Protein backbone atom coordinates (compact mmCIF):
# COMPACT_ATOMS: atom_id res chain seq x y z
CA MET A 1 -20.56 28.10 -3.84
CA ARG A 2 -18.43 29.11 -0.86
CA LEU A 3 -16.12 32.05 -1.33
CA GLY A 4 -12.66 30.68 -2.11
CA GLU A 5 -13.93 27.48 -3.73
CA GLU A 6 -13.83 29.17 -7.14
CA LYS A 7 -10.03 28.71 -7.03
CA PHE A 8 -10.48 24.93 -6.99
CA TYR A 9 -12.21 24.93 -10.37
CA VAL A 10 -10.68 25.26 -13.84
CA ASP A 11 -11.99 25.71 -17.36
CA PRO A 12 -13.28 22.22 -18.30
CA ALA A 13 -12.21 22.73 -21.92
CA THR A 14 -8.69 24.12 -21.47
CA LEU A 15 -7.92 23.39 -17.78
CA GLU A 16 -6.92 27.04 -17.39
CA PRO A 17 -7.46 28.83 -14.04
CA LEU A 18 -10.60 30.93 -13.68
CA ASN A 19 -11.11 34.51 -12.57
CA LEU A 20 -14.20 35.50 -10.60
CA GLY A 21 -16.10 38.63 -11.63
CA ASN A 22 -19.43 40.39 -11.10
CA VAL A 23 -19.67 38.59 -7.78
CA VAL A 24 -22.54 38.96 -5.33
CA CYS A 25 -22.06 37.34 -1.92
CA ASP A 26 -24.21 36.53 1.07
CA GLY A 27 -21.70 36.14 3.87
CA ASP A 28 -19.18 33.55 2.70
CA GLN A 29 -21.53 32.25 0.00
CA ILE A 30 -21.25 33.36 -3.62
CA VAL A 31 -24.80 33.94 -4.79
CA SER A 32 -24.02 35.00 -8.35
CA GLY A 33 -21.12 35.91 -10.58
CA VAL A 34 -19.14 34.70 -13.54
CA LEU A 35 -15.98 32.64 -13.86
CA VAL A 36 -13.85 33.52 -16.88
CA SER A 37 -10.82 31.71 -18.29
CA PRO A 38 -7.94 33.31 -20.26
CA SER A 39 -9.45 31.71 -23.37
CA GLY A 40 -12.58 33.77 -22.82
CA HIS A 41 -14.90 30.95 -21.77
CA ARG A 42 -17.53 32.20 -19.34
CA PHE A 43 -19.25 30.08 -16.69
CA GLU A 44 -22.16 31.69 -14.88
CA ILE A 45 -22.91 31.24 -11.17
CA THR A 46 -26.65 31.38 -10.49
CA GLY A 47 -28.24 30.77 -7.12
CA GLY A 48 -24.84 29.80 -5.77
CA VAL A 49 -24.39 27.04 -8.36
CA PRO A 50 -21.72 27.36 -11.10
CA ASN A 51 -22.59 26.04 -14.55
CA PHE A 52 -19.56 24.31 -16.09
CA VAL A 53 -21.47 22.33 -18.72
CA TYR A 54 -19.25 21.96 -21.80
CA PRO A 55 -19.39 21.79 -24.79
CA PHE A 56 -21.63 24.83 -24.75
CA GLU A 57 -23.59 23.15 -27.57
CA LEU A 58 -24.00 19.60 -26.30
CA PRO A 59 -24.09 16.58 -28.63
CA LYS A 60 -27.57 15.23 -29.25
CA ALA A 61 -27.01 12.19 -27.00
CA ASP A 62 -26.23 14.45 -24.05
CA ARG A 63 -29.11 16.81 -24.81
CA ASP A 64 -31.50 13.86 -24.96
CA ALA A 65 -30.16 12.39 -21.70
CA ARG A 66 -30.46 15.74 -19.93
CA GLN A 67 -34.02 16.23 -21.18
CA GLN A 68 -34.96 12.74 -20.08
CA SER A 69 -33.69 13.56 -16.59
CA GLU A 70 -35.61 16.82 -16.56
CA ASP A 71 -38.81 15.04 -17.63
CA ARG A 72 -38.70 12.37 -14.93
CA VAL A 73 -37.27 14.23 -11.96
CA GLU A 74 -40.55 14.51 -10.05
CA GLY A 75 -41.17 10.79 -9.99
CA TYR A 76 -37.57 9.65 -9.81
CA ASP A 77 -37.16 9.26 -6.06
CA ARG A 78 -40.67 7.87 -5.73
CA TYR A 79 -40.17 5.06 -8.25
CA LEU A 80 -36.45 4.29 -8.02
CA PRO A 81 -36.87 1.94 -5.02
CA LEU A 82 -38.83 -0.37 -7.36
CA THR A 83 -35.51 -1.19 -9.07
CA PHE A 84 -34.18 -2.72 -5.85
CA HIS A 85 -37.55 -4.25 -4.94
CA THR A 86 -37.65 -6.09 -8.29
CA TYR A 87 -34.57 -8.12 -7.33
CA GLY A 88 -35.24 -8.38 -3.60
CA GLU A 89 -32.33 -6.09 -2.75
CA ASP A 90 -31.91 -3.66 0.15
CA GLU A 91 -31.17 -0.29 -1.47
CA GLN A 92 -29.19 1.18 1.41
CA ALA A 93 -27.11 -1.98 1.81
CA VAL A 94 -26.28 -2.02 -1.92
CA ARG A 95 -25.36 1.67 -2.03
CA ASN A 96 -23.21 1.40 1.08
CA THR A 97 -21.36 -1.56 -0.42
CA MET A 98 -20.58 0.49 -3.53
CA VAL A 99 -19.37 3.44 -1.46
CA ASP A 100 -17.18 1.03 0.55
CA LYS A 101 -15.16 0.49 -2.63
CA LEU A 102 -14.00 4.14 -2.52
CA ASP A 103 -11.85 3.40 0.56
CA LEU A 104 -12.72 6.81 2.02
CA LYS A 105 -11.09 8.44 5.02
CA PRO A 106 -12.63 11.24 7.12
CA GLY A 107 -10.50 13.87 5.37
CA SER A 108 -11.03 12.61 1.82
CA VAL A 109 -11.89 15.01 -1.00
CA VAL A 110 -14.40 13.22 -3.22
CA LEU A 111 -16.03 13.89 -6.58
CA GLU A 112 -19.40 12.40 -7.50
CA THR A 113 -20.37 12.88 -11.13
CA GLY A 114 -23.89 12.14 -12.34
CA ALA A 115 -24.89 12.63 -8.72
CA GLY A 116 -28.60 12.81 -9.50
CA THR A 117 -30.93 13.44 -6.58
CA GLY A 118 -28.28 12.57 -3.99
CA ARG A 119 -29.16 9.04 -2.92
CA ASP A 120 -25.46 8.12 -2.99
CA SER A 121 -24.27 11.63 -2.12
CA GLU A 122 -25.71 11.50 1.38
CA ILE A 123 -23.99 8.16 2.05
CA ILE A 124 -20.64 9.49 0.83
CA ALA A 125 -21.03 12.65 2.93
CA GLN A 126 -21.69 10.55 6.03
CA ARG A 127 -18.27 8.89 5.59
CA LEU A 128 -16.45 12.24 5.67
CA GLY A 129 -15.25 14.21 8.66
CA ALA A 130 -14.91 17.93 9.24
CA ASP A 131 -11.92 18.15 6.89
CA GLY A 132 -13.52 16.12 4.11
CA LYS A 133 -15.20 17.62 1.05
CA LEU A 134 -17.71 16.29 -1.43
CA TYR A 135 -18.15 17.84 -4.88
CA VAL A 136 -21.44 16.76 -6.47
CA GLN A 137 -22.14 17.32 -10.14
CA ASP A 138 -24.89 16.57 -12.62
CA ILE A 139 -25.78 17.79 -16.10
CA SER A 140 -29.47 18.12 -15.18
CA PRO A 141 -30.46 21.34 -13.34
CA SER A 142 -33.56 19.70 -11.87
CA PHE A 143 -31.71 16.64 -10.59
CA LEU A 144 -28.99 18.80 -9.07
CA ALA A 145 -31.64 20.98 -7.39
CA LYS A 146 -33.08 17.85 -5.74
CA ASN A 147 -29.56 16.87 -4.65
CA ILE A 148 -28.94 20.28 -3.09
CA GLU A 149 -32.26 20.05 -1.27
CA ARG A 150 -31.42 16.57 0.06
CA MET A 151 -27.96 17.65 1.20
CA ARG A 152 -29.06 20.92 2.78
CA GLY A 153 -29.17 19.49 6.28
CA THR A 154 -25.74 17.86 6.23
CA SER A 155 -22.94 19.29 8.31
CA ARG A 156 -20.37 18.13 5.75
CA HIS A 157 -18.71 20.39 3.19
CA VAL A 158 -20.64 19.82 -0.05
CA GLU A 159 -20.06 21.81 -3.24
CA PRO A 160 -22.63 21.36 -6.07
CA ALA A 161 -22.13 22.33 -9.72
CA LEU A 162 -23.65 21.68 -13.11
CA ALA A 163 -21.16 19.83 -15.30
CA ASN A 164 -20.76 17.33 -18.09
CA GLY A 165 -19.18 14.14 -16.74
CA TYR A 166 -16.65 13.91 -19.55
CA TYR A 167 -15.45 17.53 -19.31
CA LEU A 168 -14.59 17.95 -15.64
CA PRO A 169 -13.77 21.45 -14.32
CA PHE A 170 -10.86 20.38 -12.13
CA ALA A 171 -7.09 20.26 -12.34
CA ASP A 172 -5.22 16.96 -12.47
CA ASN A 173 -4.95 14.98 -9.22
CA SER A 174 -7.61 17.02 -7.38
CA PHE A 175 -9.47 14.18 -5.63
CA ASP A 176 -8.87 11.19 -3.41
CA ALA A 177 -11.76 9.30 -5.02
CA CYS A 178 -14.33 9.60 -7.79
CA PHE A 179 -17.79 7.96 -7.90
CA HIS A 180 -20.42 7.63 -10.60
CA PHE A 181 -23.40 5.27 -10.56
CA GLY A 182 -26.15 5.29 -13.16
CA GLY A 183 -26.57 7.17 -16.42
CA ILE A 184 -23.11 6.63 -17.84
CA ASN A 185 -24.56 4.42 -20.59
CA ALA A 186 -26.14 7.56 -22.06
CA PHE A 187 -22.88 9.54 -22.26
CA ALA A 188 -21.88 10.67 -25.74
CA ASP A 189 -18.23 9.85 -24.90
CA ILE A 190 -17.86 7.16 -22.23
CA LYS A 191 -14.16 6.67 -22.90
CA ARG A 192 -13.45 10.33 -22.25
CA ALA A 193 -15.58 10.19 -19.09
CA PHE A 194 -13.46 7.38 -17.64
CA SER A 195 -10.27 9.17 -18.69
CA GLU A 196 -11.43 12.37 -16.98
CA MET A 197 -12.23 10.52 -13.76
CA ALA A 198 -8.72 9.08 -13.74
CA ARG A 199 -7.19 12.46 -14.60
CA VAL A 200 -8.74 14.33 -11.68
CA THR A 201 -8.08 11.51 -9.17
CA LYS A 202 -4.74 11.34 -7.38
CA PRO A 203 -2.45 8.39 -8.11
CA GLY A 204 -3.40 5.68 -5.64
CA GLY A 205 -6.97 7.01 -5.37
CA LYS A 206 -10.08 5.02 -6.27
CA VAL A 207 -12.61 5.33 -9.09
CA VAL A 208 -15.94 3.49 -8.82
CA VAL A 209 -18.42 3.46 -11.71
CA GLY A 210 -21.51 1.47 -12.59
CA ASP A 211 -24.70 1.23 -14.63
CA GLU A 212 -27.15 -1.23 -16.19
CA ASN A 213 -25.72 -4.18 -18.09
CA MET A 214 -26.97 -7.65 -18.87
CA PRO A 215 -24.01 -10.04 -18.49
CA PRO A 216 -23.16 -12.16 -21.56
CA TRP A 217 -24.14 -15.50 -20.02
CA LEU A 218 -27.72 -14.34 -19.38
CA ARG A 219 -28.50 -12.57 -22.66
CA GLU A 220 -30.31 -15.48 -24.29
CA THR A 221 -32.54 -16.19 -21.27
CA GLU A 222 -36.18 -15.22 -20.82
CA PHE A 223 -35.06 -13.24 -17.77
CA ALA A 224 -32.83 -11.09 -19.98
CA ARG A 225 -35.33 -10.68 -22.81
CA ILE A 226 -38.00 -9.43 -20.42
CA LEU A 227 -35.68 -6.88 -18.79
CA MET A 228 -34.12 -5.66 -22.03
CA ASN A 229 -37.60 -5.21 -23.48
CA SER A 230 -38.57 -2.95 -20.56
CA ASN A 231 -35.27 -1.08 -20.46
CA PRO A 232 -33.07 -1.19 -23.60
CA GLU A 233 -30.09 0.06 -21.55
CA PHE A 234 -29.67 -3.46 -20.17
CA ALA A 235 -28.56 -4.44 -23.69
CA TYR A 236 -25.74 -1.87 -23.79
CA SER A 237 -22.20 -3.22 -24.06
CA LEU A 238 -20.01 -3.48 -21.00
CA PRO A 239 -17.51 -0.59 -21.42
CA LEU A 240 -14.32 -2.41 -20.41
CA ASP A 241 -12.67 -1.22 -23.62
CA LYS A 242 -13.34 2.37 -22.52
CA LEU A 243 -11.28 2.16 -19.31
CA PRO A 244 -8.19 4.38 -19.12
CA VAL A 245 -4.64 3.02 -19.28
CA GLU A 246 -4.19 4.34 -15.72
CA ALA A 247 -6.60 1.72 -14.33
CA ARG A 248 -4.84 -0.62 -11.86
CA LYS A 249 -6.18 -3.49 -9.70
CA THR A 250 -9.35 -3.32 -11.75
CA ARG A 251 -12.32 -5.28 -10.44
CA LEU A 252 -15.67 -6.03 -12.08
CA GLU A 253 -18.81 -7.12 -10.28
CA TRP A 254 -22.47 -7.47 -11.24
CA ILE A 255 -24.90 -6.36 -8.54
CA ILE A 256 -28.65 -5.66 -8.03
CA GLY A 257 -29.98 -8.92 -9.41
CA GLY A 258 -26.76 -9.41 -11.36
CA VAL A 259 -27.76 -6.88 -14.04
CA PHE A 260 -25.84 -3.75 -12.97
CA TYR A 261 -22.08 -3.67 -13.36
CA VAL A 262 -19.71 -2.00 -10.90
CA ILE A 263 -16.10 -1.39 -11.94
CA ASP A 264 -13.59 -0.11 -9.43
CA PHE A 265 -9.93 0.59 -9.96
CA VAL A 266 -6.94 2.27 -8.40
CA VAL A 267 -5.57 5.17 -10.42
CA GLY A 268 -2.00 4.71 -11.63
CA GLN A 269 0.27 6.90 -13.75
CA GLY A 270 0.41 6.30 -17.49
CA GLU A 271 0.82 2.78 -18.84
CA PRO A 272 1.70 -0.05 -16.43
CA MET A 273 5.40 -0.64 -15.71
CA ALA A 274 7.26 -3.89 -16.33
CA ASP A 275 10.87 -5.08 -16.69
CA PHE A 276 11.22 -5.82 -20.41
CA ASP A 277 15.04 -5.95 -20.38
CA PHE A 278 16.07 -9.02 -18.40
CA THR A 279 17.52 -11.96 -20.37
CA ILE A 280 14.91 -14.68 -20.77
CA PRO A 281 16.36 -18.15 -20.07
CA GLY A 282 16.05 -20.87 -22.70
CA VAL A 283 16.88 -21.66 -26.31
CA ARG A 284 15.15 -18.59 -27.72
CA GLY A 285 16.81 -16.14 -25.31
CA GLY A 286 16.71 -12.37 -25.75
CA THR A 287 14.48 -10.00 -23.77
CA HIS A 288 10.85 -8.98 -24.14
CA ARG A 289 12.04 -5.72 -25.69
CA THR A 290 14.45 -7.30 -28.21
CA ARG A 291 11.80 -9.83 -29.20
CA TYR A 292 9.44 -6.96 -30.02
CA TYR A 293 11.80 -4.43 -31.60
CA GLY A 294 14.45 -6.77 -33.09
CA HIS A 295 12.52 -8.28 -36.02
CA LEU A 296 14.44 -8.75 -39.31
CA GLU A 297 13.22 -9.88 -42.73
CA GLY A 298 12.39 -13.56 -43.05
CA VAL A 299 14.87 -16.11 -44.41
CA THR A 300 14.39 -19.28 -46.47
CA PRO A 301 13.46 -22.50 -44.65
CA GLU A 302 16.94 -23.89 -45.47
CA ALA A 303 18.66 -20.84 -43.94
CA LYS A 304 16.48 -21.15 -40.86
CA ARG A 305 17.38 -24.85 -40.49
CA LEU A 306 21.08 -24.08 -40.77
CA ALA A 307 20.78 -21.27 -38.23
CA TYR A 308 19.15 -23.55 -35.67
CA GLU A 309 21.78 -26.23 -36.25
CA ALA A 310 24.62 -23.72 -35.85
CA ARG A 311 23.08 -22.23 -32.72
CA ALA A 312 22.78 -25.67 -31.15
CA ARG A 313 26.47 -26.39 -31.77
CA THR A 314 27.55 -23.10 -30.12
CA GLY A 315 25.31 -23.56 -27.08
CA LYS A 316 24.17 -19.96 -27.38
CA SER A 317 20.55 -18.82 -27.28
CA MET A 318 19.07 -18.05 -30.68
CA HIS A 319 18.98 -14.37 -29.73
CA GLN A 320 22.70 -14.28 -28.92
CA TRP A 321 23.73 -16.36 -31.95
CA LEU A 322 21.74 -14.14 -34.34
CA ASP A 323 22.95 -10.96 -32.69
CA ASP A 324 26.57 -12.06 -33.02
CA VAL A 325 26.19 -13.26 -36.63
CA VAL A 326 24.33 -10.17 -37.83
CA ARG A 327 26.77 -7.79 -36.12
CA GLU A 328 29.80 -9.59 -37.57
CA ALA A 329 28.38 -9.68 -41.11
CA ALA A 330 27.12 -6.10 -40.98
CA MET A 331 30.45 -4.69 -39.72
CA ARG A 332 32.35 -6.65 -42.38
CA ASP A 333 30.11 -5.37 -45.17
CA ILE A 334 30.26 -1.73 -44.05
CA GLY A 335 34.00 -1.94 -43.59
CA GLN A 336 34.18 -1.58 -39.83
CA LYS A 337 36.10 -3.58 -37.28
CA ASP A 338 35.25 -4.46 -33.68
């Protein structure tokens, strides 16, 4: 960690600022130390790498996923190209196409969660200029160590850290873009992970995520049965229902043989905006808002028939006729005048 970068991080649990203590530096590099929040949470820096993994006692799903990564790290880079070979895909072309979706500029500040051994990290770094920064994170110490080794020769500003992808140690609106490919199926809380990516990305920035998924129209084929037998993660559900309300211009694509999804979206603010208050033309009338909030108790079929007949004679919309009638009757019964 470079001296000064500690100010960019926050407590992943409380989002409080962190204070650096017990620091040992080598030039402008922090070799060791501890980051402490006002709540008393402590995050150790070892070998220049801060450990922000939270919760401190991980759920079983996350512990299992981390251990699986630790167990296969040595063969990961050696065997991963077989995934692309299986479907006749060019790995570098596919990864570059995914990174294209981030809409990066030379000065972009980018977060990559679940960064693994850095096969995407090096492509992202190549898109950045001298003012750009890339923060790479993984929950697996061994995977992150491989990433650091791969990125050691880059001239770009790269900051590695251990972290859980659904408890991010950054303030709101910290990044221009966020990227995660692979491993998200194993998260204990995918919905929170997507929400966190949106939280730390600036409005108007891009989020790109992807993982294994067999599309619905292929699930009953021999092709699908063979793949899902070899890798049960292909049978996992597509997490569209886990996307945050801030997702705008959302796009879904299946890549790498059509069995890996990629979702990209622009980060908005809160729920989408719409004009619910203009008068809707036609017999029914009213606005979207009055149609939703203006419900009254039901009437008899005969009363409904009479209401429609009376409305037709007045030429009013049903909304306006009912509003007038209810107001007049209510004010009469409560003893008020217009």
